[in-house]
Amino acid sequence: MDDIPEIPKEVLEAKFPGGFSIRDEANAIVALAVRNGPLEDLHAGVSTELLDDPGNSRITDDEMKELMIFACERVEMLLKLKETDPEKYWKIVMTYGMLYCGNWYRGAADSGD
C-alpha cells in the first residue's frame, strides 16, 4: 500500500459531493478489511439451490475464521496507521473509497438527512 497514487482534490469532490464523510470512511474500511479479501473468493463461487435453504450453512468454520482474521488484521493496520501516519491513512482510505465504494450507499449524504 505504499504506492498509492495521489487523487486530485477536484476528482474526490466530484465523487463525494459534500465531502468525504464518516460514512465514506466506514465504507472504505469495510471494502479494505472485508469486501476485498477472502470474502471475494467466496462470492466468486457458483450459487446452488442448496444455498436457498436457510438451514444449510453457507460458510464453513474455517472460512469464517479466515474472514475474521483477515478483517481484524486490516482494521488493526488501519488504526495503527491512523495514529502513526494520518496523512497516509487518509490517502489509503480515500483512494479505497474512490476506487471501490463510489456507488455504495453514503448514509445521510444519499438520503437527504
N, C-alpha and C. Protein backbone atom coordinates (compact mmCIF):
# COMPACT_ATOMS: atom_id res chain seq x y z
N MET A 1 0.81 -1.20 0.00
CA MET A 1 0.00 0.00 0.00
C MET A 1 0.85 1.26 0.00
N ASP A 2 2.12 1.12 -0.30
CA ASP A 2 3.00 2.27 -0.32
C ASP A 2 2.94 3.05 -1.63
N ASP A 3 2.43 2.44 -2.68
CA ASP A 3 2.43 3.10 -3.99
C ASP A 3 1.04 3.60 -4.39
N ILE A 4 0.35 4.21 -3.45
CA ILE A 4 -0.99 4.71 -3.72
C ILE A 4 -0.88 6.07 -4.41
N PRO A 5 -1.55 6.20 -5.55
CA PRO A 5 -1.45 7.47 -6.29
C PRO A 5 -2.20 8.59 -5.58
N GLU A 6 -1.78 9.80 -5.81
CA GLU A 6 -2.46 10.97 -5.28
C GLU A 6 -3.70 11.22 -6.13
N ILE A 7 -4.84 11.40 -5.48
CA ILE A 7 -6.08 11.69 -6.20
C ILE A 7 -6.31 13.19 -6.15
N PRO A 8 -6.47 13.80 -7.31
CA PRO A 8 -6.70 15.25 -7.33
C PRO A 8 -7.96 15.63 -6.53
N LYS A 9 -7.87 16.75 -5.84
CA LYS A 9 -8.96 17.22 -4.99
C LYS A 9 -10.28 17.33 -5.76
N GLU A 10 -10.23 17.83 -6.98
CA GLU A 10 -11.46 18.00 -7.75
C GLU A 10 -12.11 16.66 -8.10
N VAL A 11 -11.30 15.62 -8.26
CA VAL A 11 -11.83 14.28 -8.54
C VAL A 11 -12.56 13.75 -7.29
N LEU A 12 -11.93 13.92 -6.12
CA LEU A 12 -12.57 13.49 -4.87
C LEU A 12 -13.87 14.25 -4.64
N GLU A 13 -13.86 15.54 -4.88
CA GLU A 13 -15.06 16.36 -4.68
C GLU A 13 -16.19 15.92 -5.61
N ALA A 14 -15.84 15.57 -6.84
CA ALA A 14 -16.86 15.11 -7.78
C ALA A 14 -17.44 13.75 -7.37
N LYS A 15 -16.59 12.89 -6.84
CA LYS A 15 -17.03 11.54 -6.45
C LYS A 15 -17.78 11.55 -5.13
N PHE A 16 -17.42 12.47 -4.24
CA PHE A 16 -18.04 12.54 -2.91
C PHE A 16 -18.63 13.93 -2.67
N PRO A 17 -19.78 14.20 -3.30
CA PRO A 17 -20.41 15.52 -3.11
C PRO A 17 -20.67 15.77 -1.63
N GLY A 18 -20.32 16.96 -1.18
CA GLY A 18 -20.50 17.29 0.23
C GLY A 18 -19.30 16.90 1.08
N GLY A 19 -18.30 16.28 0.45
CA GLY A 19 -17.08 15.90 1.17
C GLY A 19 -17.06 14.43 1.54
N PHE A 20 -15.89 13.99 1.90
CA PHE A 20 -15.66 12.60 2.32
C PHE A 20 -16.10 12.47 3.78
N SER A 21 -17.24 11.83 3.99
CA SER A 21 -17.88 11.77 5.30
C SER A 21 -17.39 10.59 6.14
N ILE A 22 -17.84 10.56 7.38
CA ILE A 22 -17.54 9.41 8.25
C ILE A 22 -18.10 8.14 7.62
N ARG A 23 -19.26 8.24 6.99
CA ARG A 23 -19.84 7.07 6.33
C ARG A 23 -18.96 6.62 5.17
N ASP A 24 -18.41 7.58 4.42
CA ASP A 24 -17.50 7.23 3.33
C ASP A 24 -16.25 6.53 3.89
N GLU A 25 -15.76 7.02 5.01
CA GLU A 25 -14.61 6.39 5.67
C GLU A 25 -14.97 4.96 6.08
N ALA A 26 -16.15 4.79 6.68
CA ALA A 26 -16.59 3.44 7.09
C ALA A 26 -16.71 2.52 5.88
N ASN A 27 -17.29 3.01 4.79
CA ASN A 27 -17.42 2.20 3.58
C ASN A 27 -16.05 1.74 3.08
N ALA A 28 -15.09 2.67 3.08
CA ALA A 28 -13.75 2.33 2.59
C ALA A 28 -13.07 1.31 3.49
N ILE A 29 -13.24 1.45 4.80
CA ILE A 29 -12.66 0.49 5.74
C ILE A 29 -13.26 -0.90 5.52
N VAL A 30 -14.55 -0.97 5.35
CA VAL A 30 -15.21 -2.26 5.11
C VAL A 30 -14.74 -2.86 3.79
N ALA A 31 -14.60 -2.05 2.76
CA ALA A 31 -14.10 -2.56 1.48
C ALA A 31 -12.70 -3.13 1.65
N LEU A 32 -11.85 -2.41 2.37
CA LEU A 32 -10.47 -2.83 2.54
C LEU A 32 -10.36 -4.04 3.46
N ALA A 33 -11.14 -4.05 4.54
CA ALA A 33 -11.00 -5.10 5.55
C ALA A 33 -11.85 -6.34 5.30
N VAL A 34 -12.96 -6.17 4.61
CA VAL A 34 -13.89 -7.29 4.46
C VAL A 34 -14.14 -7.64 3.00
N ARG A 35 -14.64 -6.69 2.25
CA ARG A 35 -15.11 -6.96 0.90
C ARG A 35 -14.00 -7.42 -0.05
N ASN A 36 -12.87 -6.76 -0.01
CA ASN A 36 -11.79 -7.07 -0.94
C ASN A 36 -10.75 -7.97 -0.28
N GLY A 37 -11.20 -9.11 0.17
CA GLY A 37 -10.33 -10.09 0.81
C GLY A 37 -10.86 -11.48 0.51
N PRO A 38 -10.76 -12.37 1.48
CA PRO A 38 -11.23 -13.75 1.28
C PRO A 38 -12.72 -13.83 0.93
N LEU A 39 -13.50 -12.85 1.35
CA LEU A 39 -14.92 -12.85 1.02
C LEU A 39 -15.13 -12.81 -0.49
N GLU A 40 -14.27 -12.10 -1.18
CA GLU A 40 -14.37 -12.01 -2.64
C GLU A 40 -14.22 -13.39 -3.28
N ASP A 41 -13.34 -14.22 -2.74
CA ASP A 41 -13.17 -15.57 -3.25
C ASP A 41 -14.44 -16.40 -3.06
N LEU A 42 -15.06 -16.24 -1.90
CA LEU A 42 -16.31 -16.98 -1.63
C LEU A 42 -17.43 -16.47 -2.53
N HIS A 43 -17.48 -15.17 -2.72
CA HIS A 43 -18.52 -14.56 -3.54
C HIS A 43 -18.38 -14.97 -5.01
N ALA A 44 -17.17 -15.25 -5.44
CA ALA A 44 -16.92 -15.60 -6.84
C ALA A 44 -17.39 -17.02 -7.18
N GLY A 45 -17.72 -17.81 -6.17
CA GLY A 45 -18.16 -19.18 -6.41
C GLY A 45 -19.52 -19.24 -7.08
N VAL A 46 -19.93 -20.43 -7.41
CA VAL A 46 -21.20 -20.66 -8.09
C VAL A 46 -22.30 -20.90 -7.05
N SER A 47 -23.42 -20.24 -7.23
CA SER A 47 -24.57 -20.41 -6.35
C SER A 47 -25.31 -21.70 -6.71
N THR A 48 -25.86 -22.35 -5.69
CA THR A 48 -26.67 -23.56 -5.93
C THR A 48 -27.97 -23.44 -5.17
N GLU A 49 -28.95 -24.27 -5.54
CA GLU A 49 -30.24 -24.25 -4.86
C GLU A 49 -30.10 -24.64 -3.39
N LEU A 50 -29.07 -25.40 -3.05
CA LEU A 50 -28.84 -25.77 -1.66
C LEU A 50 -28.71 -24.54 -0.76
N LEU A 51 -28.19 -23.45 -1.32
CA LEU A 51 -28.00 -22.23 -0.54
C LEU A 51 -29.30 -21.52 -0.23
N ASP A 52 -30.37 -21.89 -0.93
CA ASP A 52 -31.67 -21.28 -0.67
C ASP A 52 -32.28 -21.76 0.64
N ASP A 53 -31.83 -22.89 1.14
CA ASP A 53 -32.35 -23.45 2.39
C ASP A 53 -31.63 -22.78 3.56
N PRO A 54 -32.34 -21.99 4.38
CA PRO A 54 -31.68 -21.29 5.49
C PRO A 54 -31.12 -22.25 6.54
N GLY A 55 -31.50 -23.52 6.49
CA GLY A 55 -30.97 -24.50 7.42
C GLY A 55 -29.56 -24.97 7.06
N ASN A 56 -29.13 -24.68 5.84
CA ASN A 56 -27.79 -25.08 5.39
C ASN A 56 -26.80 -23.96 5.68
N SER A 57 -25.62 -24.35 6.09
CA SER A 57 -24.56 -23.38 6.30
C SER A 57 -24.02 -22.93 4.95
N ARG A 58 -23.75 -21.65 4.83
CA ARG A 58 -23.23 -21.12 3.58
C ARG A 58 -21.72 -20.90 3.65
N ILE A 59 -21.17 -21.08 4.82
CA ILE A 59 -19.75 -20.83 5.02
C ILE A 59 -19.24 -21.78 6.10
N THR A 60 -18.06 -22.30 5.90
CA THR A 60 -17.50 -23.23 6.88
C THR A 60 -16.87 -22.45 8.04
N ASP A 61 -16.63 -23.16 9.13
CA ASP A 61 -15.96 -22.53 10.28
C ASP A 61 -14.58 -22.03 9.89
N ASP A 62 -13.85 -22.79 9.09
CA ASP A 62 -12.52 -22.37 8.65
C ASP A 62 -12.59 -21.12 7.78
N GLU A 63 -13.59 -21.06 6.91
CA GLU A 63 -13.75 -19.87 6.07
C GLU A 63 -14.09 -18.65 6.91
N MET A 64 -14.96 -18.82 7.90
CA MET A 64 -15.32 -17.72 8.79
C MET A 64 -14.10 -17.25 9.58
N LYS A 65 -13.31 -18.19 10.05
CA LYS A 65 -12.10 -17.84 10.78
C LYS A 65 -11.15 -17.03 9.89
N GLU A 66 -10.96 -17.48 8.66
CA GLU A 66 -10.09 -16.77 7.73
C GLU A 66 -10.60 -15.35 7.48
N LEU A 67 -11.91 -15.21 7.27
CA LEU A 67 -12.50 -13.89 7.04
C LEU A 67 -12.26 -12.95 8.22
N MET A 68 -12.50 -13.46 9.42
CA MET A 68 -12.38 -12.62 10.61
C MET A 68 -10.92 -12.24 10.89
N ILE A 69 -10.01 -13.17 10.73
CA ILE A 69 -8.59 -12.86 10.94
C ILE A 69 -8.15 -11.81 9.93
N PHE A 70 -8.50 -11.99 8.67
CA PHE A 70 -8.13 -11.03 7.63
C PHE A 70 -8.69 -9.64 7.96
N ALA A 71 -9.98 -9.58 8.28
CA ALA A 71 -10.62 -8.29 8.57
C ALA A 71 -9.99 -7.62 9.78
N CYS A 72 -9.75 -8.36 10.85
CA CYS A 72 -9.16 -7.79 12.06
C CYS A 72 -7.74 -7.29 11.81
N GLU A 73 -6.98 -8.03 11.03
CA GLU A 73 -5.61 -7.60 10.72
C GLU A 73 -5.63 -6.31 9.91
N ARG A 74 -6.55 -6.20 8.98
CA ARG A 74 -6.65 -5.00 8.16
C ARG A 74 -7.10 -3.79 8.99
N VAL A 75 -8.10 -3.99 9.84
CA VAL A 75 -8.57 -2.89 10.68
C VAL A 75 -7.47 -2.47 11.66
N GLU A 76 -6.77 -3.44 12.22
CA GLU A 76 -5.65 -3.13 13.12
C GLU A 76 -4.61 -2.28 12.39
N MET A 77 -4.26 -2.68 11.17
CA MET A 77 -3.29 -1.93 10.39
C MET A 77 -3.76 -0.50 10.16
N LEU A 78 -5.03 -0.35 9.83
CA LEU A 78 -5.56 0.99 9.58
C LEU A 78 -5.56 1.84 10.85
N LEU A 79 -5.95 1.26 11.97
CA LEU A 79 -5.98 2.02 13.22
C LEU A 79 -4.58 2.45 13.65
N LYS A 80 -3.62 1.56 13.48
CA LYS A 80 -2.23 1.93 13.79
C LYS A 80 -1.77 3.06 12.87
N LEU A 81 -2.09 2.93 11.59
CA LEU A 81 -1.69 3.94 10.62
C LEU A 81 -2.35 5.28 10.91
N LYS A 82 -3.60 5.25 11.34
CA LYS A 82 -4.32 6.49 11.65
C LYS A 82 -3.61 7.25 12.78
N GLU A 83 -3.02 6.51 13.71
CA GLU A 83 -2.28 7.14 14.82
C GLU A 83 -0.87 7.55 14.42
N THR A 84 -0.19 6.71 13.66
CA THR A 84 1.23 6.95 13.38
C THR A 84 1.50 7.77 12.13
N ASP A 85 0.62 7.67 11.14
CA ASP A 85 0.81 8.38 9.88
C ASP A 85 -0.55 8.76 9.29
N PRO A 86 -1.22 9.74 9.93
CA PRO A 86 -2.57 10.09 9.50
C PRO A 86 -2.68 10.47 8.02
N GLU A 87 -1.65 11.12 7.49
CA GLU A 87 -1.70 11.51 6.08
C GLU A 87 -1.78 10.28 5.18
N LYS A 88 -0.98 9.28 5.47
CA LYS A 88 -1.00 8.03 4.69
C LYS A 88 -2.34 7.30 4.89
N TYR A 89 -2.83 7.30 6.14
CA TYR A 89 -4.12 6.66 6.43
C TYR A 89 -5.21 7.26 5.53
N TRP A 90 -5.31 8.59 5.53
CA TRP A 90 -6.37 9.23 4.74
C TRP A 90 -6.17 9.00 3.25
N LYS A 91 -4.95 8.95 2.81
CA LYS A 91 -4.68 8.69 1.40
C LYS A 91 -5.19 7.30 1.02
N ILE A 92 -4.90 6.31 1.87
CA ILE A 92 -5.37 4.94 1.62
C ILE A 92 -6.88 4.86 1.66
N VAL A 93 -7.48 5.42 2.70
CA VAL A 93 -8.93 5.32 2.88
C VAL A 93 -9.67 6.05 1.76
N MET A 94 -9.22 7.24 1.43
CA MET A 94 -9.91 7.98 0.36
C MET A 94 -9.72 7.32 -1.00
N THR A 95 -8.54 6.77 -1.24
CA THR A 95 -8.31 6.07 -2.50
C THR A 95 -9.19 4.83 -2.59
N TYR A 96 -9.25 4.07 -1.51
CA TYR A 96 -10.13 2.89 -1.49
C TYR A 96 -11.58 3.29 -1.68
N GLY A 97 -11.98 4.36 -1.01
CA GLY A 97 -13.34 4.85 -1.17
C GLY A 97 -13.63 5.21 -2.61
N MET A 98 -12.69 5.87 -3.22
CA MET A 98 -12.83 6.30 -4.61
C MET A 98 -12.90 5.10 -5.56
N LEU A 99 -12.00 4.14 -5.38
CA LEU A 99 -11.91 3.01 -6.30
C LEU A 99 -13.01 1.97 -6.12
N TYR A 100 -13.43 1.73 -4.88
CA TYR A 100 -14.32 0.59 -4.61
C TYR A 100 -15.69 0.96 -4.05
N CYS A 101 -15.87 2.18 -3.57
CA CYS A 101 -17.12 2.49 -2.86
C CYS A 101 -17.88 3.66 -3.47
N GLY A 102 -17.49 4.09 -4.63
CA GLY A 102 -18.13 5.25 -5.24
C GLY A 102 -19.63 5.10 -5.45
N ASN A 103 -20.11 3.89 -5.59
CA ASN A 103 -21.55 3.66 -5.80
C ASN A 103 -22.24 3.08 -4.58
N TRP A 104 -21.52 2.98 -3.46
CA TRP A 104 -22.12 2.45 -2.24
C TRP A 104 -23.03 3.50 -1.61
N TYR A 105 -23.95 3.04 -0.80
CA TYR A 105 -24.83 3.92 -0.05
C TYR A 105 -24.00 4.79 0.89
N ARG A 106 -24.27 6.09 0.90
CA ARG A 106 -23.48 7.04 1.68
C ARG A 106 -24.22 7.56 2.92
N GLY A 107 -25.23 6.85 3.38
CA GLY A 107 -25.95 7.28 4.58
C GLY A 107 -26.70 8.58 4.33
N ALA A 108 -26.55 9.52 5.26
CA ALA A 108 -27.26 10.78 5.18
C ALA A 108 -27.00 11.52 3.88
N ALA A 109 -25.80 11.37 3.33
CA ALA A 109 -25.48 12.03 2.05
C ALA A 109 -26.38 11.54 0.93
N ASP A 110 -26.84 10.30 1.01
CA ASP A 110 -27.71 9.73 -0.03
C ASP A 110 -29.20 9.92 0.29
N SER A 111 -29.53 10.00 1.57
CA SER A 111 -30.93 10.04 1.95
C SER A 111 -31.47 11.45 2.11
N GLY A 112 -30.59 12.44 2.08
CA GLY A 112 -31.03 13.83 2.22
C GLY A 112 -31.21 14.25 3.67
N ASP A 113 -30.83 13.39 4.63
CA ASP A 113 -30.95 13.75 6.05
C ASP A 113 -29.83 14.68 6.47
